[in-house]
Amino acid sequence: MKGMIVRKFMSAVFTAVILSYLFVLIDGHSSFIVYFTIFCAGYLIVGVPCSIVAELVNAKIKGNILGLVIGGIIHLIFAGIVIFWLSFDDPGGFASLMKHAEGIVYAVIMAAIGLWLTDILFKHLLRDELSHLA
């Protein structure tokens, strides 16, 4: 369990670095540290708990492909919850959020998918290295 949590935090930080760098290259309105801080905060508040829930649900499912799909769906459900929550802050609701702040919606979806993919990659790469923490 401890190894899984360490892997989740490593995945979150690694994904935050990658996405922050991409956003600086694509958007360029803010610095790397601003994007990194925002992504890290989002991952620590929502991403890591979501990923832990997906891992626990995945442990109950037999079949690698089905488990991967279910894990991705859980990450996207949590992203949808975050987007729904953000739409409450916008006076026009979800339609206004998509019209004026579509970058936020895409960033949340990219963050969810990025964390899911990075955690899958780290799960296979670090299987033996983190086994002593279990």
Protein backbone atom coordinates (compact mmCIF):
# COMPACT_ATOMS: atom_id res chain seq x y z
CA MET A 1 0.00 0.00 0.00
CA LYS A 2 2.80 2.41 0.88
CA GLY A 3 4.55 1.64 -2.42
CA MET A 4 1.35 2.41 -4.31
CA ILE A 5 0.97 5.79 -2.58
CA VAL A 6 4.62 6.68 -3.27
CA ARG A 7 4.10 5.75 -6.93
CA LYS A 8 0.96 7.91 -7.10
CA PHE A 9 2.84 10.94 -5.76
CA MET A 10 5.74 10.30 -8.15
CA SER A 11 3.29 10.04 -11.05
CA ALA A 12 1.58 13.27 -10.00
CA VAL A 13 4.82 15.26 -9.78
CA PHE A 14 6.17 13.83 -13.04
CA THR A 15 2.92 14.57 -14.88
CA ALA A 16 2.78 18.08 -13.38
CA VAL A 17 6.29 18.76 -14.73
CA ILE A 18 5.44 17.47 -18.21
CA LEU A 19 2.10 19.30 -18.47
CA SER A 20 3.57 22.51 -17.06
CA TYR A 21 6.31 22.45 -19.65
CA LEU A 22 3.76 21.78 -22.42
CA PHE A 23 1.55 24.63 -21.24
CA VAL A 24 4.50 27.04 -21.20
CA LEU A 25 5.31 26.01 -24.78
CA ILE A 26 1.71 26.08 -26.02
CA ASP A 27 0.17 28.92 -24.02
CA GLY A 28 3.12 30.89 -22.68
CA HIS A 29 1.00 33.32 -20.65
CA SER A 30 2.51 32.22 -17.34
CA SER A 31 5.76 30.80 -16.12
CA PHE A 32 6.57 27.15 -15.53
CA ILE A 33 6.35 27.56 -11.75
CA VAL A 34 2.80 28.97 -11.96
CA TYR A 35 1.55 26.04 -14.04
CA PHE A 36 3.50 23.56 -11.92
CA THR A 37 1.98 24.92 -8.70
CA ILE A 38 -1.54 24.75 -10.12
CA PHE A 39 -1.09 21.20 -11.44
CA CYS A 40 0.54 19.98 -8.21
CA ALA A 41 -2.26 21.45 -6.10
CA GLY A 42 -4.88 19.84 -8.32
CA TYR A 43 -3.12 16.49 -8.26
CA LEU A 44 -2.70 16.50 -4.49
CA ILE A 45 -6.32 17.52 -3.83
CA VAL A 46 -8.11 15.49 -6.51
CA GLY A 47 -5.68 13.49 -8.65
CA VAL A 48 -3.90 11.29 -6.12
CA PRO A 49 -7.09 10.31 -4.22
CA CYS A 50 -8.79 9.59 -7.58
CA SER A 51 -5.86 7.46 -8.68
CA ILE A 52 -5.91 5.53 -5.39
CA VAL A 53 -9.65 4.83 -5.83
CA ALA A 54 -9.01 3.67 -9.40
CA GLU A 55 -6.22 1.37 -8.20
CA LEU A 56 -8.42 -0.16 -5.49
CA VAL A 57 -11.28 -0.72 -7.94
CA ASN A 58 -8.81 -2.11 -10.49
CA ALA A 59 -7.57 -4.63 -7.90
CA LYS A 60 -11.08 -6.14 -7.75
CA ILE A 61 -11.34 -6.53 -11.54
CA LYS A 62 -9.98 -9.53 -13.34
CA GLY A 63 -8.43 -8.77 -16.70
CA ASN A 64 -5.72 -6.28 -17.55
CA ILE A 65 -7.48 -4.51 -20.42
CA LEU A 66 -10.78 -4.13 -18.57
CA GLY A 67 -8.90 -2.82 -15.53
CA LEU A 68 -7.06 -0.25 -17.65
CA VAL A 69 -10.30 0.94 -19.23
CA ILE A 70 -12.09 1.16 -15.87
CA GLY A 71 -9.13 3.07 -14.39
CA GLY A 72 -9.24 5.56 -17.26
CA ILE A 73 -13.00 5.97 -16.90
CA ILE A 74 -12.64 6.66 -13.17
CA HIS A 75 -10.02 9.33 -13.89
CA LEU A 76 -12.33 10.93 -16.46
CA ILE A 77 -15.28 10.81 -14.05
CA PHE A 78 -13.24 12.71 -11.47
CA ALA A 79 -12.21 15.19 -14.21
CA GLY A 80 -15.90 15.62 -15.04
CA ILE A 81 -16.67 16.32 -11.40
CA VAL A 82 -13.96 19.01 -11.32
CA ILE A 83 -15.29 20.57 -14.54
CA PHE A 84 -18.85 20.47 -13.16
CA TRP A 85 -17.61 22.13 -9.96
CA LEU A 86 -15.82 24.84 -11.99
CA SER A 87 -19.01 25.52 -13.95
CA PHE A 88 -20.74 26.57 -10.71
CA ASP A 89 -18.23 29.40 -10.39
CA ASP A 90 -19.06 30.68 -13.88
CA PRO A 91 -22.31 32.73 -14.01
CA GLY A 92 -23.27 31.22 -17.38
CA GLY A 93 -22.70 27.65 -16.25
CA PHE A 94 -21.03 24.96 -18.32
CA ALA A 95 -21.84 26.52 -21.70
CA SER A 96 -20.15 29.76 -20.68
CA LEU A 97 -17.20 27.85 -19.23
CA MET A 98 -16.69 26.08 -22.55
CA LYS A 99 -17.08 29.30 -24.53
CA HIS A 100 -14.78 31.54 -22.49
CA ALA A 101 -12.47 29.21 -20.59
CA GLU A 102 -12.20 26.11 -22.75
CA GLY A 103 -8.50 25.92 -21.91
CA ILE A 104 -9.40 25.08 -18.32
CA VAL A 105 -11.67 22.23 -19.42
CA TYR A 106 -9.02 20.80 -21.72
CA ALA A 107 -6.36 21.22 -19.02
CA VAL A 108 -8.44 19.23 -16.52
CA ILE A 109 -9.06 16.45 -19.04
CA MET A 110 -5.38 16.38 -20.07
CA ALA A 111 -4.36 16.30 -16.40
CA ALA A 112 -6.63 13.32 -15.70
CA ILE A 113 -5.49 11.35 -18.73
CA GLY A 114 -1.86 12.30 -18.12
CA LEU A 115 -1.95 11.08 -14.53
CA TRP A 116 -3.62 7.85 -15.56
CA LEU A 117 -1.07 7.13 -18.30
CA THR A 118 1.93 8.13 -16.18
CA ASP A 119 0.78 5.97 -13.30
CA ILE A 120 0.36 2.97 -15.63
CA LEU A 121 3.87 3.56 -16.97
CA PHE A 122 5.37 3.92 -13.48
CA LYS A 123 3.44 0.87 -12.25
CA HIS A 124 5.19 -1.30 -14.81
CA LEU A 125 8.60 0.39 -14.64
CA LEU A 126 8.85 0.56 -10.84
CA ARG A 127 7.22 -2.75 -9.99
CA ASP A 128 10.39 -4.22 -8.44
CA GLU A 129 11.90 -0.98 -7.06
CA LEU A 130 8.91 -0.10 -4.87
CA SER A 131 8.06 -3.65 -3.77
CA HIS A 132 10.16 -3.31 -0.59
CA LEU A 133 7.80 -0.52 0.62
CA ALA A 134 4.73 -2.75 0.52
